[in-house]
Amino acid sequence: IFLECTSVTTDSRNCPEGSLFIALK
């Protein structure tokens, strides 16, 4: 799944198209 995505983000204010969001606490 990671390889399908364009990038990884942990900031919901910056979610590029096709990214993988990781919900950190």
mmCIF file of all heavy atoms, coordinates in Angstrom:
data_MODEL
# 
_entry.id   MODEL 
# 
loop_
_atom_site.group_PDB 
_atom_site.id 
_atom_site.type_symbol 
_atom_site.label_atom_id 
_atom_site.label_alt_id 
_atom_site.label_comp_id 
_atom_site.label_asym_id 
_atom_site.label_entity_id 
_atom_site.label_seq_id 
_atom_site.pdbx_PDB_ins_code 
_atom_site.Cartn_x 
_atom_site.Cartn_y 
_atom_site.Cartn_z 
_atom_site.occupancy 
_atom_site.B_iso_or_equiv 
_atom_site.pdbx_formal_charge 
_atom_site.auth_seq_id 
_atom_site.auth_comp_id 
_atom_site.auth_asym_id 
_atom_site.auth_atom_id 
_atom_site.pdbx_PDB_model_num 
ATOM 1   N N   . ILE A 1 1  ? 0.844  -1.203 0.000  1.00 0.00 ? 1  ILE A N   1 
ATOM 2   C CA  . ILE A 1 1  ? 0.000  0.000  0.000  1.00 0.00 ? 1  ILE A CA  1 
ATOM 3   C C   . ILE A 1 1  ? 0.873  1.245  0.000  1.00 0.00 ? 1  ILE A C   1 
ATOM 4   O O   . ILE A 1 1  ? 0.633  2.199  -0.743 1.00 0.00 ? 1  ILE A O   1 
ATOM 5   C CB  . ILE A 1 1  ? -0.969 -0.012 1.201  1.00 0.00 ? 1  ILE A CB  1 
ATOM 6   C CG1 . ILE A 1 1  ? -2.007 -1.115 1.009  1.00 0.00 ? 1  ILE A CG1 1 
ATOM 7   C CG2 . ILE A 1 1  ? -1.621 1.347  1.407  1.00 0.00 ? 1  ILE A CG2 1 
ATOM 8   C CD1 . ILE A 1 1  ? -2.875 -1.384 2.214  1.00 0.00 ? 1  ILE A CD1 1 
ATOM 9   N N   . PHE A 1 2  ? 1.922  1.254  0.822  1.00 0.00 ? 2  PHE A N   1 
ATOM 10  C CA  . PHE A 1 2  ? 2.868  2.366  0.874  1.00 0.00 ? 2  PHE A CA  1 
ATOM 11  C C   . PHE A 1 2  ? 3.438  2.649  -0.516 1.00 0.00 ? 2  PHE A C   1 
ATOM 12  O O   . PHE A 1 2  ? 3.544  3.812  -0.934 1.00 0.00 ? 2  PHE A O   1 
ATOM 13  C CB  . PHE A 1 2  ? 3.981  2.042  1.878  1.00 0.00 ? 2  PHE A CB  1 
ATOM 14  C CG  . PHE A 1 2  ? 5.215  2.868  1.735  1.00 0.00 ? 2  PHE A CG  1 
ATOM 15  C CD1 . PHE A 1 2  ? 5.255  4.172  2.211  1.00 0.00 ? 2  PHE A CD1 1 
ATOM 16  C CD2 . PHE A 1 2  ? 6.344  2.346  1.121  1.00 0.00 ? 2  PHE A CD2 1 
ATOM 17  C CE1 . PHE A 1 2  ? 6.409  4.935  2.078  1.00 0.00 ? 2  PHE A CE1 1 
ATOM 18  C CE2 . PHE A 1 2  ? 7.495  3.096  0.987  1.00 0.00 ? 2  PHE A CE2 1 
ATOM 19  C CZ  . PHE A 1 2  ? 7.526  4.398  1.463  1.00 0.00 ? 2  PHE A CZ  1 
ATOM 20  N N   . LEU A 1 3  ? 3.820  1.613  -1.239 1.00 0.00 ? 3  LEU A N   1 
ATOM 21  C CA  . LEU A 1 3  ? 4.409  1.791  -2.561 1.00 0.00 ? 3  LEU A CA  1 
ATOM 22  C C   . LEU A 1 3  ? 3.419  2.369  -3.573 1.00 0.00 ? 3  LEU A C   1 
ATOM 23  O O   . LEU A 1 3  ? 3.834  3.020  -4.540 1.00 0.00 ? 3  LEU A O   1 
ATOM 24  C CB  . LEU A 1 3  ? 4.977  0.465  -3.078 1.00 0.00 ? 3  LEU A CB  1 
ATOM 25  C CG  . LEU A 1 3  ? 6.205  -0.057 -2.335 1.00 0.00 ? 3  LEU A CG  1 
ATOM 26  C CD1 . LEU A 1 3  ? 6.595  -1.433 -2.877 1.00 0.00 ? 3  LEU A CD1 1 
ATOM 27  C CD2 . LEU A 1 3  ? 7.369  0.913  -2.426 1.00 0.00 ? 3  LEU A CD2 1 
ATOM 28  N N   . GLU A 1 4  ? 2.123  2.148  -3.363 1.00 0.00 ? 4  GLU A N   1 
ATOM 29  C CA  . GLU A 1 4  ? 1.097  2.717  -4.242 1.00 0.00 ? 4  GLU A CA  1 
ATOM 30  C C   . GLU A 1 4  ? 0.945  4.226  -4.021 1.00 0.00 ? 4  GLU A C   1 
ATOM 31  O O   . GLU A 1 4  ? 0.445  4.921  -4.890 1.00 0.00 ? 4  GLU A O   1 
ATOM 32  C CB  . GLU A 1 4  ? -0.264 2.078  -3.960 1.00 0.00 ? 4  GLU A CB  1 
ATOM 33  C CG  . GLU A 1 4  ? -0.402 0.640  -4.328 1.00 0.00 ? 4  GLU A CG  1 
ATOM 34  C CD  . GLU A 1 4  ? -1.745 0.080  -3.860 1.00 0.00 ? 4  GLU A CD  1 
ATOM 35  O OE1 . GLU A 1 4  ? -2.668 0.867  -3.585 1.00 0.00 ? 4  GLU A OE1 1 
ATOM 36  O OE2 . GLU A 1 4  ? -1.853 -1.146 -3.773 1.00 0.00 ? 4  GLU A OE2 1 
ATOM 37  N N   . CYS A 1 5  ? 1.330  4.705  -2.856 1.00 0.00 ? 5  CYS A N   1 
ATOM 38  C CA  . CYS A 1 5  ? 1.094  6.097  -2.477 1.00 0.00 ? 5  CYS A CA  1 
ATOM 39  C C   . CYS A 1 5  ? 2.226  7.005  -2.961 1.00 0.00 ? 5  CYS A C   1 
ATOM 40  O O   . CYS A 1 5  ? 3.354  6.567  -3.145 1.00 0.00 ? 5  CYS A O   1 
ATOM 41  C CB  . CYS A 1 5  ? 0.936  6.207  -0.963 1.00 0.00 ? 5  CYS A CB  1 
ATOM 42  S SG  . CYS A 1 5  ? -0.525 5.331  -0.370 1.00 0.00 ? 5  CYS A SG  1 
ATOM 43  N N   . THR A 1 6  ? 1.900  8.269  -3.132 1.00 0.00 ? 6  THR A N   1 
ATOM 44  C CA  . THR A 1 6  ? 2.859  9.249  -3.633 1.00 0.00 ? 6  THR A CA  1 
ATOM 45  C C   . THR A 1 6  ? 3.761  9.794  -2.536 1.00 0.00 ? 6  THR A C   1 
ATOM 46  O O   . THR A 1 6  ? 4.870  10.239 -2.810 1.00 0.00 ? 6  THR A O   1 
ATOM 47  C CB  . THR A 1 6  ? 2.124  10.430 -4.282 1.00 0.00 ? 6  THR A CB  1 
ATOM 48  O OG1 . THR A 1 6  ? 1.236  11.005 -3.308 1.00 0.00 ? 6  THR A OG1 1 
ATOM 49  C CG2 . THR A 1 6  ? 1.334  9.984  -5.500 1.00 0.00 ? 6  THR A CG2 1 
ATOM 50  N N   . SER A 1 7  ? 3.290  9.783  -1.297 1.00 0.00 ? 7  SER A N   1 
ATOM 51  C CA  . SER A 1 7  ? 4.058  10.305 -0.165 1.00 0.00 ? 7  SER A CA  1 
ATOM 52  C C   . SER A 1 7  ? 3.406  9.846  1.133  1.00 0.00 ? 7  SER A C   1 
ATOM 53  O O   . SER A 1 7  ? 2.340  9.234  1.116  1.00 0.00 ? 7  SER A O   1 
ATOM 54  C CB  . SER A 1 7  ? 4.118  11.837 -0.209 1.00 0.00 ? 7  SER A CB  1 
ATOM 55  O OG  . SER A 1 7  ? 2.814  12.380 -0.115 1.00 0.00 ? 7  SER A OG  1 
ATOM 56  N N   . VAL A 1 8  ? 4.057  10.167 2.238  1.00 0.00 ? 8  VAL A N   1 
ATOM 57  C CA  . VAL A 1 8  ? 3.523  9.860  3.568  1.00 0.00 ? 8  VAL A CA  1 
ATOM 58  C C   . VAL A 1 8  ? 3.383  11.179 4.316  1.00 0.00 ? 8  VAL A C   1 
ATOM 59  O O   . VAL A 1 8  ? 4.259  12.039 4.235  1.00 0.00 ? 8  VAL A O   1 
ATOM 60  C CB  . VAL A 1 8  ? 4.463  8.919  4.347  1.00 0.00 ? 8  VAL A CB  1 
ATOM 61  C CG1 . VAL A 1 8  ? 3.977  8.716  5.770  1.00 0.00 ? 8  VAL A CG1 1 
ATOM 62  C CG2 . VAL A 1 8  ? 4.587  7.583  3.623  1.00 0.00 ? 8  VAL A CG2 1 
ATOM 63  N N   . THR A 1 9  ? 2.278  11.341 5.030  1.00 0.00 ? 9  THR A N   1 
ATOM 64  C CA  . THR A 1 9  ? 2.074  12.547 5.817  1.00 0.00 ? 9  THR A CA  1 
ATOM 65  C C   . THR A 1 9  ? 1.479  12.206 7.175  1.00 0.00 ? 9  THR A C   1 
ATOM 66  O O   . THR A 1 9  ? 0.766  11.217 7.312  1.00 0.00 ? 9  THR A O   1 
ATOM 67  C CB  . THR A 1 9  ? 1.167  13.559 5.074  1.00 0.00 ? 9  THR A CB  1 
ATOM 68  O OG1 . THR A 1 9  ? 1.060  14.753 5.852  1.00 0.00 ? 9  THR A OG1 1 
ATOM 69  C CG2 . THR A 1 9  ? -0.211 12.995 4.811  1.00 0.00 ? 9  THR A CG2 1 
ATOM 70  N N   . THR A 1 10 ? 1.818  13.026 8.157  1.00 0.00 ? 10 THR A N   1 
ATOM 71  C CA  . THR A 1 10 ? 1.216  12.897 9.483  1.00 0.00 ? 10 THR A CA  1 
ATOM 72  C C   . THR A 1 10 ? 0.438  14.160 9.830  1.00 0.00 ? 10 THR A C   1 
ATOM 73  O O   . THR A 1 10 ? -0.053 14.297 10.938 1.00 0.00 ? 10 THR A O   1 
ATOM 74  C CB  . THR A 1 10 ? 2.297  12.655 10.565 1.00 0.00 ? 10 THR A CB  1 
ATOM 75  O OG1 . THR A 1 10 ? 3.219  13.751 10.560 1.00 0.00 ? 10 THR A OG1 1 
ATOM 76  C CG2 . THR A 1 10 ? 3.036  11.347 10.299 1.00 0.00 ? 10 THR A CG2 1 
ATOM 77  N N   . ASP A 1 11 ? 0.338  15.064 8.872  1.00 0.00 ? 11 ASP A N   1 
ATOM 78  C CA  . ASP A 1 11 ? -0.332 16.350 9.076  1.00 0.00 ? 11 ASP A CA  1 
ATOM 79  C C   . ASP A 1 11 ? -1.565 16.412 8.177  1.00 0.00 ? 11 ASP A C   1 
ATOM 80  O O   . ASP A 1 11 ? -1.439 16.503 6.955  1.00 0.00 ? 11 ASP A O   1 
ATOM 81  C CB  . ASP A 1 11 ? 0.631  17.489 8.753  1.00 0.00 ? 11 ASP A CB  1 
ATOM 82  C CG  . ASP A 1 11 ? 0.064  18.863 9.052  1.00 0.00 ? 11 ASP A CG  1 
ATOM 83  O OD1 . ASP A 1 11 ? -1.159 18.988 9.292  1.00 0.00 ? 11 ASP A OD1 1 
ATOM 84  O OD2 . ASP A 1 11 ? 0.849  19.827 9.040  1.00 0.00 ? 11 ASP A OD2 1 
ATOM 85  N N   . SER A 1 12 ? -2.744 16.384 8.774  1.00 0.00 ? 12 SER A N   1 
ATOM 86  C CA  . SER A 1 12 ? -3.982 16.387 7.979  1.00 0.00 ? 12 SER A CA  1 
ATOM 87  C C   . SER A 1 12 ? -4.182 17.696 7.222  1.00 0.00 ? 12 SER A C   1 
ATOM 88  O O   . SER A 1 12 ? -5.011 17.772 6.327  1.00 0.00 ? 12 SER A O   1 
ATOM 89  C CB  . SER A 1 12 ? -5.191 16.118 8.879  1.00 0.00 ? 12 SER A CB  1 
ATOM 90  O OG  . SER A 1 12 ? -5.335 17.156 9.831  1.00 0.00 ? 12 SER A OG  1 
ATOM 91  N N   . ARG A 1 13 ? -3.417 18.729 7.552  1.00 0.00 ? 13 ARG A N   1 
ATOM 92  C CA  . ARG A 1 13 ? -3.509 20.004 6.828  1.00 0.00 ? 13 ARG A CA  1 
ATOM 93  C C   . ARG A 1 13 ? -2.679 19.986 5.558  1.00 0.00 ? 13 ARG A C   1 
ATOM 94  O O   . ARG A 1 13 ? -2.766 20.895 4.740  1.00 0.00 ? 13 ARG A O   1 
ATOM 95  C CB  . ARG A 1 13 ? -3.044 21.156 7.733  1.00 0.00 ? 13 ARG A CB  1 
ATOM 96  C CG  . ARG A 1 13 ? -3.917 21.322 8.972  1.00 0.00 ? 13 ARG A CG  1 
ATOM 97  C CD  . ARG A 1 13 ? -3.266 22.220 9.970  1.00 0.00 ? 13 ARG A CD  1 
ATOM 98  N NE  . ARG A 1 13 ? -2.021 21.580 10.418 1.00 0.00 ? 13 ARG A NE  1 
ATOM 99  C CZ  . ARG A 1 13 ? -1.174 22.104 11.288 1.00 0.00 ? 13 ARG A CZ  1 
ATOM 100 N NH1 . ARG A 1 13 ? -1.419 23.284 11.804 1.00 0.00 ? 13 ARG A NH1 1 
ATOM 101 N NH2 . ARG A 1 13 ? -0.087 21.457 11.644 1.00 0.00 ? 13 ARG A NH2 1 
ATOM 102 N N   . ASN A 1 14 ? -1.864 18.939 5.391  1.00 0.00 ? 14 ASN A N   1 
ATOM 103 C CA  . ASN A 1 14 ? -1.012 18.817 4.213  1.00 0.00 ? 14 ASN A CA  1 
ATOM 104 C C   . ASN A 1 14 ? -1.061 17.377 3.719  1.00 0.00 ? 14 ASN A C   1 
ATOM 105 O O   . ASN A 1 14 ? -0.218 16.560 4.067  1.00 0.00 ? 14 ASN A O   1 
ATOM 106 C CB  . ASN A 1 14 ? 0.426  19.218 4.557  1.00 0.00 ? 14 ASN A CB  1 
ATOM 107 C CG  . ASN A 1 14 ? 1.346  19.108 3.362  1.00 0.00 ? 14 ASN A CG  1 
ATOM 108 O OD1 . ASN A 1 14 ? 0.909  19.119 2.219  1.00 0.00 ? 14 ASN A OD1 1 
ATOM 109 N ND2 . ASN A 1 14 ? 2.635  18.975 3.628  1.00 0.00 ? 14 ASN A ND2 1 
ATOM 110 N N   . CYS A 1 15 ? -2.079 17.081 2.921  1.00 0.00 ? 15 CYS A N   1 
ATOM 111 C CA  . CYS A 1 15 ? -2.282 15.729 2.396  1.00 0.00 ? 15 CYS A CA  1 
ATOM 112 C C   . CYS A 1 15 ? -2.261 15.762 0.871  1.00 0.00 ? 15 CYS A C   1 
ATOM 113 O O   . CYS A 1 15 ? -3.301 15.934 0.231  1.00 0.00 ? 15 CYS A O   1 
ATOM 114 C CB  . CYS A 1 15 ? -3.615 15.165 2.888  1.00 0.00 ? 15 CYS A CB  1 
ATOM 115 S SG  . CYS A 1 15 ? -3.667 14.929 4.655  1.00 0.00 ? 15 CYS A SG  1 
ATOM 116 N N   . PRO A 1 16 ? -1.075 15.614 0.280  1.00 0.00 ? 16 PRO A N   1 
ATOM 117 C CA  . PRO A 1 16 ? -1.001 15.598 -1.177 1.00 0.00 ? 16 PRO A CA  1 
ATOM 118 C C   . PRO A 1 16 ? -1.851 14.477 -1.770 1.00 0.00 ? 16 PRO A C   1 
ATOM 119 O O   . PRO A 1 16 ? -2.060 13.440 -1.133 1.00 0.00 ? 16 PRO A O   1 
ATOM 120 C CB  . PRO A 1 16 ? 0.480  15.364 -1.454 1.00 0.00 ? 16 PRO A CB  1 
ATOM 121 C CG  . PRO A 1 16 ? 1.180  15.772 -0.208 1.00 0.00 ? 16 PRO A CG  1 
ATOM 122 C CD  . PRO A 1 16 ? 0.225  15.470 0.912  1.00 0.00 ? 16 PRO A CD  1 
ATOM 123 N N   . GLU A 1 17 ? -2.310 14.682 -2.957 1.00 0.00 ? 17 GLU A N   1 
ATOM 124 C CA  . GLU A 1 17 ? -3.109 13.687 -3.665 1.00 0.00 ? 17 GLU A CA  1 
ATOM 125 C C   . GLU A 1 17 ? -2.349 12.368 -3.717 1.00 0.00 ? 17 GLU A C   1 
ATOM 126 O O   . GLU A 1 17 ? -1.173 12.329 -4.084 1.00 0.00 ? 17 GLU A O   1 
ATOM 127 C CB  . GLU A 1 17 ? -3.409 14.178 -5.094 1.00 0.00 ? 17 GLU A CB  1 
ATOM 128 C CG  . GLU A 1 17 ? -4.513 13.433 -5.781 1.00 0.00 ? 17 GLU A CG  1 
ATOM 129 C CD  . GLU A 1 17 ? -5.873 13.662 -5.128 1.00 0.00 ? 17 GLU A CD  1 
ATOM 130 O OE1 . GLU A 1 17 ? -6.152 14.771 -4.657 1.00 0.00 ? 17 GLU A OE1 1 
ATOM 131 O OE2 . GLU A 1 17 ? -6.666 12.699 -5.117 1.00 0.00 ? 17 GLU A OE2 1 
ATOM 132 N N   . GLY A 1 18 ? -3.001 11.295 -3.306 1.00 0.00 ? 18 GLY A N   1 
ATOM 133 C CA  . GLY A 1 18 ? -2.410 9.973  -3.364 1.00 0.00 ? 18 GLY A CA  1 
ATOM 134 C C   . GLY A 1 18 ? -1.513 9.615  -2.186 1.00 0.00 ? 18 GLY A C   1 
ATOM 135 O O   . GLY A 1 18 ? -0.854 8.584  -2.203 1.00 0.00 ? 18 GLY A O   1 
ATOM 136 N N   . SER A 1 19 ? -1.499 10.446 -1.157 1.00 0.00 ? 19 SER A N   1 
ATOM 137 C CA  . SER A 1 19 ? -0.608 10.219 -0.015 1.00 0.00 ? 19 SER A CA  1 
ATOM 138 C C   . SER A 1 19 ? -1.164 9.179  0.958  1.00 0.00 ? 19 SER A C   1 
ATOM 139 O O   . SER A 1 19 ? -2.326 8.780  0.878  1.00 0.00 ? 19 SER A O   1 
ATOM 140 C CB  . SER A 1 19 ? -0.355 11.533 0.723  1.00 0.00 ? 19 SER A CB  1 
ATOM 141 O OG  . SER A 1 19 ? -1.564 12.060 1.252  1.00 0.00 ? 19 SER A OG  1 
ATOM 142 N N   . LEU A 1 20 ? -0.314 8.768  1.884  1.00 0.00 ? 20 LEU A N   1 
ATOM 143 C CA  . LEU A 1 20 ? -0.666 7.857  2.966  1.00 0.00 ? 20 LEU A CA  1 
ATOM 144 C C   . LEU A 1 20 ? -0.622 8.672  4.252  1.00 0.00 ? 20 LEU A C   1 
ATOM 145 O O   . LEU A 1 20 ? 0.423  9.200  4.618  1.00 0.00 ? 20 LEU A O   1 
ATOM 146 C CB  . LEU A 1 20 ? 0.326  6.698  3.037  1.00 0.00 ? 20 LEU A CB  1 
ATOM 147 C CG  . LEU A 1 20 ? 0.215  5.735  4.214  1.00 0.00 ? 20 LEU A CG  1 
ATOM 148 C CD1 . LEU A 1 20 ? -1.125 5.003  4.195  1.00 0.00 ? 20 LEU A CD1 1 
ATOM 149 C CD2 . LEU A 1 20 ? 1.372  4.741  4.197  1.00 0.00 ? 20 LEU A CD2 1 
ATOM 150 N N   . PHE A 1 21 ? -1.762 8.810  4.926  1.00 0.00 ? 21 PHE A N   1 
ATOM 151 C CA  . PHE A 1 21 ? -1.848 9.567  6.173  1.00 0.00 ? 21 PHE A CA  1 
ATOM 152 C C   . PHE A 1 21 ? -1.669 8.621  7.346  1.00 0.00 ? 21 PHE A C   1 
ATOM 153 O O   . PHE A 1 21 ? -2.300 7.569  7.412  1.00 0.00 ? 21 PHE A O   1 
ATOM 154 C CB  . PHE A 1 21 ? -3.203 10.276 6.283  1.00 0.00 ? 21 PHE A CB  1 
ATOM 155 C CG  . PHE A 1 21 ? -3.417 10.972 7.599  1.00 0.00 ? 21 PHE A CG  1 
ATOM 156 C CD1 . PHE A 1 21 ? -2.750 12.147 7.889  1.00 0.00 ? 21 PHE A CD1 1 
ATOM 157 C CD2 . PHE A 1 21 ? -4.274 10.439 8.550  1.00 0.00 ? 21 PHE A CD2 1 
ATOM 158 C CE1 . PHE A 1 21 ? -2.938 12.795 9.106  1.00 0.00 ? 21 PHE A CE1 1 
ATOM 159 C CE2 . PHE A 1 21 ? -4.480 11.072 9.768  1.00 0.00 ? 21 PHE A CE2 1 
ATOM 160 C CZ  . PHE A 1 21 ? -3.810 12.247 10.045 1.00 0.00 ? 21 PHE A CZ  1 
ATOM 161 N N   . ILE A 1 22 ? -0.795 8.989  8.284  1.00 0.00 ? 22 ILE A N   1 
ATOM 162 C CA  . ILE A 1 22 ? -0.591 8.193  9.494  1.00 0.00 ? 22 ILE A CA  1 
ATOM 163 C C   . ILE A 1 22 ? -1.006 9.047  10.681 1.00 0.00 ? 22 ILE A C   1 
ATOM 164 O O   . ILE A 1 22 ? -0.456 10.121 10.913 1.00 0.00 ? 22 ILE A O   1 
ATOM 165 C CB  . ILE A 1 22 ? 0.862  7.716  9.625  1.00 0.00 ? 22 ILE A CB  1 
ATOM 166 C CG1 . ILE A 1 22 ? 1.244  6.890  8.390  1.00 0.00 ? 22 ILE A CG1 1 
ATOM 167 C CG2 . ILE A 1 22 ? 1.041  6.901  10.902 1.00 0.00 ? 22 ILE A CG2 1 
ATOM 168 C CD1 . ILE A 1 22 ? 2.664  6.414  8.350  1.00 0.00 ? 22 ILE A CD1 1 
ATOM 169 N N   . ALA A 1 23 ? -1.994 8.582  11.413 1.00 0.00 ? 23 ALA A N   1 
ATOM 170 C CA  . ALA A 1 23 ? -2.626 9.343  12.492 1.00 0.00 ? 23 ALA A CA  1 
ATOM 171 C C   . ALA A 1 23 ? -1.847 9.210  13.800 1.00 0.00 ? 23 ALA A C   1 
ATOM 172 O O   . ALA A 1 23 ? -2.155 8.364  14.632 1.00 0.00 ? 23 ALA A O   1 
ATOM 173 C CB  . ALA A 1 23 ? -4.068 8.868  12.680 1.00 0.00 ? 23 ALA A CB  1 
ATOM 174 N N   . LEU A 1 24 ? -0.844 10.053 13.965 1.00 0.00 ? 24 LEU A N   1 
ATOM 175 C CA  . LEU A 1 24 ? -0.063 10.026 15.196 1.00 0.00 ? 24 LEU A CA  1 
ATOM 176 C C   . LEU A 1 24 ? -0.783 10.781 16.304 1.00 0.00 ? 24 LEU A C   1 
ATOM 177 O O   . LEU A 1 24 ? -1.607 11.650 16.046 1.00 0.00 ? 24 LEU A O   1 
ATOM 178 C CB  . LEU A 1 24 ? 1.316  10.652 14.950 1.00 0.00 ? 24 LEU A CB  1 
ATOM 179 C CG  . LEU A 1 24 ? 2.200  9.926  13.944 1.00 0.00 ? 24 LEU A CG  1 
ATOM 180 C CD1 . LEU A 1 24 ? 3.529  10.664 13.793 1.00 0.00 ? 24 LEU A CD1 1 
ATOM 181 C CD2 . LEU A 1 24 ? 2.440  8.482  14.369 1.00 0.00 ? 24 LEU A CD2 1 
ATOM 182 N N   . LYS A 1 25 ? -0.429 10.436 17.540 1.00 0.00 ? 25 LYS A N   1 
ATOM 183 C CA  . LYS A 1 25 ? -1.008 11.111 18.710 1.00 0.00 ? 25 LYS A CA  1 
ATOM 184 C C   . LYS A 1 25 ? 0.108  11.807 19.474 1.00 0.00 ? 25 LYS A C   1 
ATOM 185 O O   . LYS A 1 25 ? 1.233  11.320 19.518 1.00 0.00 ? 25 LYS A O   1 
ATOM 186 C CB  . LYS A 1 25 ? -1.687 10.110 19.644 1.00 0.00 ? 25 LYS A CB  1 
ATOM 187 C CG  . LYS A 1 25 ? -2.942 9.509  19.093 1.00 0.00 ? 25 LYS A CG  1 
ATOM 188 C CD  . LYS A 1 25 ? -3.697 8.708  20.124 1.00 0.00 ? 25 LYS A CD  1 
ATOM 189 C CE  . LYS A 1 25 ? -3.029 7.393  20.398 1.00 0.00 ? 25 LYS A CE  1 
ATOM 190 N NZ  . LYS A 1 25 ? -3.823 6.487  21.218 1.00 0.00 ? 25 LYS A NZ  1 
# 
